[in-house]
Amino acid sequence: MGGTMDGTKQRRRGNTRQRIQDVALDLFAEQGYEKTSLREIAEALDVTKAALYYHFKTKEEILVSIFDDLTQPILDLIEWGRRQPHTLETKQEIVRRYSDILADAAPLFRFMQENQATVRELRVGETFKERMQGLRDIMIDPAARMVDQVRYTSAIFTLHAGMFLLQDLPGEAEDKRKAALEVALDLVAQAHRGATGTA
């Protein structure tokens, strides 16, 4: 499930719809969703506004399509997790896979982090919240103590923190991602020990 951001972009350059998504996301991240117009997206693509309209009628349609495409792996992971036993190995694999998903869709998650107010007002905000709740539900054991439920949930958000809060610190992005993953896996192990009463 690995792959780099550049590799994702390379695979996505194949068709016009995906080129529109990539250029729009770059512009949304660079100057903000509200300040980006369909005309600017068309100009950046070197196409007419009518050509852009053939694929998308509004900015929100573009953003929703980006969100749906790049977060589909979260839905796939939730479905996979629901079919697995509630073991430590399963939960650690969920965390590893989610770390890969974040890396593969890094531009989208950065955009969402930096445009939280806008995202909350759009349909993608509620959809993302539902996906995070689905991810939480395959991680936690409802019978676990609250402190262990918080640890399971915190493992997910440790990966987010690794992407956003560490980005301006010195060091390689991949090293920061691995460090965040190590901490997240440790939180899952602690929660599992607490939930099962093992030492």
C-alpha atoms as a PDB file:
ATOM      1  CA  MET A   1       0.000   0.000   0.000  1.00  0.00           C
ATOM      2  CA  GLY A   2       3.033   2.250   0.051  1.00  0.00           C
ATOM      3  CA  GLY A   3       3.970   4.794  -2.531  1.00  0.00           C
ATOM      4  CA  THR A   4       5.059   8.351  -2.564  1.00  0.00           C
ATOM      5  CA  MET A   5       3.167  11.524  -3.162  1.00  0.00           C
ATOM      6  CA  ASP A   6       5.064  11.960  -6.437  1.00  0.00           C
ATOM      7  CA  GLY A   7       4.256   8.392  -7.446  1.00  0.00           C
ATOM      8  CA  THR A   8       0.571   9.025  -6.789  1.00  0.00           C
ATOM      9  CA  LYS A   9       0.659  12.135  -8.960  1.00  0.00           C
ATOM     10  CA  GLN A  10       2.447  10.246 -11.733  1.00  0.00           C
ATOM     11  CA  ARG A  11      -0.253   7.556 -11.766  1.00  0.00           C
ATOM     12  CA  ARG A  12      -3.000  10.194 -11.673  1.00  0.00           C
ATOM     13  CA  ARG A  13      -1.726  12.282 -14.600  1.00  0.00           C
ATOM     14  CA  GLY A  14      -3.226   9.902 -17.133  1.00  0.00           C
ATOM     15  CA  ASN A  15      -6.583  11.545 -17.732  1.00  0.00           C
ATOM     16  CA  THR A  16      -8.105  15.023 -17.809  1.00  0.00           C
ATOM     17  CA  ARG A  17     -10.355  14.552 -14.780  1.00  0.00           C
ATOM     18  CA  GLN A  18      -7.379  13.573 -12.648  1.00  0.00           C
ATOM     19  CA  ARG A  19      -5.274  16.437 -14.015  1.00  0.00           C
ATOM     20  CA  ILE A  20      -8.051  18.836 -13.017  1.00  0.00           C
ATOM     21  CA  GLN A  21      -8.109  17.323  -9.518  1.00  0.00           C
ATOM     22  CA  ASP A  22      -4.324  17.595  -9.108  1.00  0.00           C
ATOM     23  CA  VAL A  23      -4.116  21.205 -10.341  1.00  0.00           C
ATOM     24  CA  ALA A  24      -7.165  22.274  -8.319  1.00  0.00           C
ATOM     25  CA  LEU A  25      -5.801  20.703  -5.135  1.00  0.00           C
ATOM     26  CA  ASP A  26      -2.459  22.462  -5.651  1.00  0.00           C
ATOM     27  CA  LEU A  27      -4.269  25.793  -6.068  1.00  0.00           C
ATOM     28  CA  PHE A  28      -6.605  25.159  -3.120  1.00  0.00           C
ATOM     29  CA  ALA A  29      -3.610  24.372  -0.912  1.00  0.00           C
ATOM     30  CA  GLU A  30      -1.536  27.289  -2.211  1.00  0.00           C
ATOM     31  CA  GLN A  31      -4.064  30.125  -2.090  1.00  0.00           C
ATOM     32  CA  GLY A  32      -7.040  28.678  -0.208  1.00  0.00           C
ATOM     33  CA  TYR A  33     -10.279  27.149  -1.420  1.00  0.00           C
ATOM     34  CA  GLU A  34     -12.305  30.371  -1.149  1.00  0.00           C
ATOM     35  CA  LYS A  35      -9.786  32.427  -3.126  1.00  0.00           C
ATOM     36  CA  THR A  36      -9.484  29.942  -5.993  1.00  0.00           C
ATOM     37  CA  SER A  37     -11.890  30.336  -8.925  1.00  0.00           C
ATOM     38  CA  LEU A  38     -12.855  27.894 -11.654  1.00  0.00           C
ATOM     39  CA  ARG A  39     -11.335  30.366 -14.120  1.00  0.00           C
ATOM     40  CA  GLU A  40      -7.952  30.131 -12.352  1.00  0.00           C
ATOM     41  CA  ILE A  41      -8.110  26.346 -12.390  1.00  0.00           C
ATOM     42  CA  ALA A  42      -8.885  26.406 -16.131  1.00  0.00           C
ATOM     43  CA  GLU A  43      -6.011  28.838 -16.777  1.00  0.00           C
ATOM     44  CA  ALA A  44      -3.569  26.711 -14.800  1.00  0.00           C
ATOM     45  CA  LEU A  45      -4.630  23.719 -16.897  1.00  0.00           C
ATOM     46  CA  ASP A  46      -4.473  25.778 -20.099  1.00  0.00           C
ATOM     47  CA  VAL A  47      -8.043  24.799 -21.017  1.00  0.00           C
ATOM     48  CA  THR A  48     -11.229  26.828 -21.496  1.00  0.00           C
ATOM     49  CA  LYS A  49     -13.713  27.223 -18.674  1.00  0.00           C
ATOM     50  CA  ALA A  50     -16.199  25.330 -20.881  1.00  0.00           C
ATOM     51  CA  ALA A  51     -13.784  22.376 -21.085  1.00  0.00           C
ATOM     52  CA  LEU A  52     -13.512  22.405 -17.293  1.00  0.00           C
ATOM     53  CA  TYR A  53     -17.330  22.560 -17.005  1.00  0.00           C
ATOM     54  CA  TYR A  54     -17.553  19.359 -19.031  1.00  0.00           C
ATOM     55  CA  HIS A  55     -16.013  17.522 -16.053  1.00  0.00           C
ATOM     56  CA  PHE A  56     -17.011  19.672 -13.064  1.00  0.00           C
ATOM     57  CA  LYS A  57     -19.651  22.390 -12.634  1.00  0.00           C
ATOM     58  CA  THR A  58     -18.382  23.809  -9.321  1.00  0.00           C
ATOM     59  CA  LYS A  59     -15.295  23.971  -7.115  1.00  0.00           C
ATOM     60  CA  GLU A  60     -17.092  21.857  -4.538  1.00  0.00           C
ATOM     61  CA  GLU A  61     -17.671  19.124  -7.140  1.00  0.00           C
ATOM     62  CA  ILE A  62     -13.916  19.096  -7.778  1.00  0.00           C
ATOM     63  CA  LEU A  63     -13.105  18.966  -4.076  1.00  0.00           C
ATOM     64  CA  VAL A  64     -15.663  16.218  -3.394  1.00  0.00           C
ATOM     65  CA  SER A  65     -14.244  14.134  -6.263  1.00  0.00           C
ATOM     66  CA  ILE A  66     -10.674  14.580  -4.941  1.00  0.00           C
ATOM     67  CA  PHE A  67     -11.821  13.666  -1.451  1.00  0.00           C
ATOM     68  CA  ASP A  68     -13.766  10.593  -2.621  1.00  0.00           C
ATOM     69  CA  ASP A  69     -10.901   9.294  -4.753  1.00  0.00           C
ATOM     70  CA  LEU A  70      -8.108   9.882  -2.249  1.00  0.00           C
ATOM     71  CA  THR A  71     -10.004   8.677   0.834  1.00  0.00           C
ATOM     72  CA  GLN A  72     -11.531   5.547  -0.733  1.00  0.00           C
ATOM     73  CA  PRO A  73      -8.654   3.555   0.826  1.00  0.00           C
ATOM     74  CA  ILE A  74      -9.982   4.592   4.270  1.00  0.00           C
ATOM     75  CA  LEU A  75     -13.337   2.986   3.460  1.00  0.00           C
ATOM     76  CA  ASP A  76     -11.520  -0.099   2.158  1.00  0.00           C
ATOM     77  CA  LEU A  77      -9.502  -0.253   5.394  1.00  0.00           C
ATOM     78  CA  ILE A  78     -12.642   0.088   7.540  1.00  0.00           C
ATOM     79  CA  GLU A  79     -14.317  -2.750   5.616  1.00  0.00           C
ATOM     80  CA  TRP A  80     -11.200  -4.896   5.976  1.00  0.00           C
ATOM     81  CA  GLY A  81     -10.939  -4.106   9.705  1.00  0.00           C
ATOM     82  CA  ARG A  82     -14.560  -5.073  10.361  1.00  0.00           C
ATOM     83  CA  ARG A  83     -13.855  -8.582   9.063  1.00  0.00           C
ATOM     84  CA  GLN A  84     -10.752  -9.113  11.229  1.00  0.00           C
ATOM     85  CA  PRO A  85     -10.453 -10.443  14.789  1.00  0.00           C
ATOM     86  CA  HIS A  86      -9.886  -7.799  17.491  1.00  0.00           C
ATOM     87  CA  THR A  87      -6.253  -8.757  18.044  1.00  0.00           C
ATOM     88  CA  LEU A  88      -3.206  -6.610  18.683  1.00  0.00           C
ATOM     89  CA  GLU A  89      -1.841  -7.643  15.284  1.00  0.00           C
ATOM     90  CA  THR A  90      -5.008  -6.471  13.503  1.00  0.00           C
ATOM     91  CA  LYS A  91      -4.994  -3.095  15.251  1.00  0.00           C
ATOM     92  CA  GLN A  92      -1.314  -2.556  14.497  1.00  0.00           C
ATOM     93  CA  GLU A  93      -1.916  -3.456  10.853  1.00  0.00           C
ATOM     94  CA  ILE A  94      -4.765  -0.922  10.732  1.00  0.00           C
ATOM     95  CA  VAL A  95      -2.388   1.747  12.027  1.00  0.00           C
ATOM     96  CA  ARG A  96       0.318   0.782   9.505  1.00  0.00           C
ATOM     97  CA  ARG A  97      -2.148   0.865   6.616  1.00  0.00           C
ATOM     98  CA  TYR A  98      -3.593   4.191   7.744  1.00  0.00           C
ATOM     99  CA  SER A  99      -0.086   5.648   7.884  1.00  0.00           C
ATOM    100  CA  ASP A 100       0.372   4.616   4.238  1.00  0.00           C
ATOM    101  CA  ILE A 101      -3.005   6.137   3.288  1.00  0.00           C
ATOM    102  CA  LEU A 102      -2.020   9.458   4.872  1.00  0.00           C
ATOM    103  CA  ALA A 103       1.291   9.459   3.013  1.00  0.00           C
ATOM    104  CA  ASP A 104      -0.377   8.666  -0.325  1.00  0.00           C
ATOM    105  CA  ALA A 105      -2.976  11.431   0.092  1.00  0.00           C
ATOM    106  CA  ALA A 106      -0.730  13.950   1.861  1.00  0.00           C
ATOM    107  CA  PRO A 107      -1.731  16.998  -0.263  1.00  0.00           C
ATOM    108  CA  LEU A 108      -5.431  16.446   0.509  1.00  0.00           C
ATOM    109  CA  PHE A 109      -4.878  16.043   4.240  1.00  0.00           C
ATOM    110  CA  ARG A 110      -2.665  19.141   4.331  1.00  0.00           C
ATOM    111  CA  PHE A 111      -5.340  21.100   2.507  1.00  0.00           C
ATOM    112  CA  MET A 112      -7.997  19.895   4.979  1.00  0.00           C
ATOM    113  CA  GLN A 113      -5.803  20.800   7.954  1.00  0.00           C
ATOM    114  CA  GLU A 114      -5.075  24.304   6.652  1.00  0.00           C
ATOM    115  CA  ASN A 115      -8.675  24.986   5.554  1.00  0.00           C
ATOM    116  CA  GLN A 116     -10.605  23.529   8.491  1.00  0.00           C
ATOM    117  CA  ALA A 117     -13.296  26.223   8.592  1.00  0.00           C
ATOM    118  CA  THR A 118     -14.047  25.788   4.873  1.00  0.00           C
ATOM    119  CA  VAL A 119     -13.992  21.996   5.078  1.00  0.00           C
ATOM    120  CA  ARG A 120     -16.453  22.056   8.008  1.00  0.00           C
ATOM    121  CA  GLU A 121     -18.949  24.024   5.895  1.00  0.00           C
ATOM    122  CA  LEU A 122     -18.702  21.659   2.916  1.00  0.00           C
ATOM    123  CA  ARG A 123     -20.070  18.149   2.516  1.00  0.00           C
ATOM    124  CA  VAL A 124     -16.564  16.646   2.714  1.00  0.00           C
ATOM    125  CA  GLY A 125     -16.255  17.757   6.349  1.00  0.00           C
ATOM    126  CA  GLU A 126     -19.143  15.591   7.528  1.00  0.00           C
ATOM    127  CA  THR A 127     -18.056  12.700   5.307  1.00  0.00           C
ATOM    128  CA  PHE A 128     -14.523  12.827   6.705  1.00  0.00           C
ATOM    129  CA  LYS A 129     -15.870  12.866  10.263  1.00  0.00           C
ATOM    130  CA  GLU A 130     -17.907   9.719   9.469  1.00  0.00           C
ATOM    131  CA  ARG A 131     -14.809   7.991   8.050  1.00  0.00           C
ATOM    132  CA  MET A 132     -12.791   8.885  11.160  1.00  0.00           C
ATOM    133  CA  GLN A 133     -15.565   7.471  13.347  1.00  0.00           C
ATOM    134  CA  GLY A 134     -15.539   4.275  11.283  1.00  0.00           C
ATOM    135  CA  LEU A 135     -11.788   4.028  11.748  1.00  0.00           C
ATOM    136  CA  ARG A 136     -12.157   4.627  15.483  1.00  0.00           C
ATOM    137  CA  ASP A 137     -14.806   1.915  15.726  1.00  0.00           C
ATOM    138  CA  ILE A 138     -12.540  -0.776  14.248  1.00  0.00           C
ATOM    139  CA  MET A 139      -9.734   0.288  16.584  1.00  0.00           C
ATOM    140  CA  ILE A 140     -11.345   0.441  20.006  1.00  0.00           C
ATOM    141  CA  ASP A 141     -12.721  -2.341  22.139  1.00  0.00           C
ATOM    142  CA  PRO A 142     -16.016  -1.044  23.588  1.00  0.00           C
ATOM    143  CA  ALA A 143     -15.413  -3.030  26.780  1.00  0.00           C
ATOM    144  CA  ALA A 144     -11.964  -1.470  27.293  1.00  0.00           C
ATOM    145  CA  ARG A 145     -11.369   1.114  30.009  1.00  0.00           C
ATOM    146  CA  MET A 146     -11.829   4.689  28.836  1.00  0.00           C
ATOM    147  CA  VAL A 147      -8.085   5.356  29.126  1.00  0.00           C
ATOM    148  CA  ASP A 148      -7.398   2.490  26.710  1.00  0.00           C
ATOM    149  CA  GLN A 149     -10.114   3.649  24.306  1.00  0.00           C
ATOM    150  CA  VAL A 150      -8.391   7.052  24.312  1.00  0.00           C
ATOM    151  CA  ARG A 151      -5.041   5.356  23.576  1.00  0.00           C
ATOM    152  CA  TYR A 152      -6.509   3.486  20.594  1.00  0.00           C
ATOM    153  CA  THR A 153      -8.027   6.696  19.231  1.00  0.00           C
ATOM    154  CA  SER A 154      -4.888   8.698  19.957  1.00  0.00           C
ATOM    155  CA  ALA A 155      -2.863   6.272  17.848  1.00  0.00           C
ATOM    156  CA  ILE A 156      -4.798   7.438  14.776  1.00  0.00           C
ATOM    157  CA  PHE A 157      -4.321  11.112  15.586  1.00  0.00           C
ATOM    158  CA  THR A 158      -0.645  10.616  16.357  1.00  0.00           C
ATOM    159  CA  LEU A 159      -0.249   9.855  12.649  1.00  0.00           C
ATOM    160  CA  HIS A 160      -2.026  13.127  11.799  1.00  0.00           C
ATOM    161  CA  ALA A 161       0.165  15.020  14.252  1.00  0.00           C
ATOM    162  CA  GLY A 162       3.228  13.482  12.654  1.00  0.00           C
ATOM    163  CA  MET A 163       2.149  14.850   9.300  1.00  0.00           C
ATOM    164  CA  PHE A 164       1.100  18.353  10.387  1.00  0.00           C
ATOM    165  CA  LEU A 165       2.778  19.331  13.640  1.00  0.00           C
ATOM    166  CA  LEU A 166       6.233  17.991  12.793  1.00  0.00           C
ATOM    167  CA  GLN A 167       6.454  19.276   9.217  1.00  0.00           C
ATOM    168  CA  ASP A 168       8.402  22.441  10.089  1.00  0.00           C
ATOM    169  CA  LEU A 169      10.897  20.599  12.316  1.00  0.00           C
ATOM    170  CA  PRO A 170      14.281  19.642  10.863  1.00  0.00           C
ATOM    171  CA  GLY A 171      14.550  16.167   9.390  1.00  0.00           C
ATOM    172  CA  GLU A 172      13.304  14.042   6.541  1.00  0.00           C
ATOM    173  CA  ALA A 173       9.540  13.670   6.070  1.00  0.00           C
ATOM    174  CA  GLU A 174       9.828   9.882   5.917  1.00  0.00           C
ATOM    175  CA  ASP A 175      11.787   9.780   9.202  1.00  0.00           C
ATOM    176  CA  LYS A 176       9.055  11.847  10.887  1.00  0.00           C
ATOM    177  CA  ARG A 177       6.379   9.534   9.468  1.00  0.00           C
ATOM    178  CA  LYS A 178       8.226   6.461  10.779  1.00  0.00           C
ATOM    179  CA  ALA A 179       8.656   8.065  14.211  1.00  0.00           C
ATOM    180  CA  ALA A 180       4.934   8.929  14.389  1.00  0.00           C
ATOM    181  CA  LEU A 181       4.074   5.379  13.310  1.00  0.00           C
ATOM    182  CA  GLU A 182       6.335   3.921  16.012  1.00  0.00           C
ATOM    183  CA  VAL A 183       4.600   6.032  18.687  1.00  0.00           C
ATOM    184  CA  ALA A 184       1.154   5.112  17.313  1.00  0.00           C
ATOM    185  CA  LEU A 185       2.002   1.398  17.379  1.00  0.00           C
ATOM    186  CA  ASP A 186       3.256   1.775  20.954  1.00  0.00           C
ATOM    187  CA  LEU A 187      -0.042   3.424  21.980  1.00  0.00           C
ATOM    188  CA  VAL A 188      -1.962   0.509  20.452  1.00  0.00           C
ATOM    189  CA  ALA A 189       0.222  -1.997  22.326  1.00  0.00           C
ATOM    190  CA  GLN A 190      -0.330  -0.121  25.613  1.00  0.00           C
ATOM    191  CA  ALA A 191      -4.092   0.006  25.022  1.00  0.00           C
ATOM    192  CA  HIS A 192      -4.190  -3.700  24.181  1.00  0.00           C
ATOM    193  CA  ARG A 193      -2.243  -4.582  27.336  1.00  0.00           C
ATOM    194  CA  GLY A 194      -4.643  -2.484  29.396  1.00  0.00           C
ATOM    195  CA  ALA A 195      -7.724  -3.932  27.715  1.00  0.00           C
ATOM    196  CA  THR A 196      -6.580  -7.547  28.113  1.00  0.00           C
ATOM    197  CA  GLY A 197      -4.961  -7.124  31.510  1.00  0.00           C
ATOM    198  CA  THR A 198      -1.614  -8.470  30.277  1.00  0.00           C
ATOM    199  CA  ALA A 199       1.647  -7.194  31.608  1.00  0.00           C
END
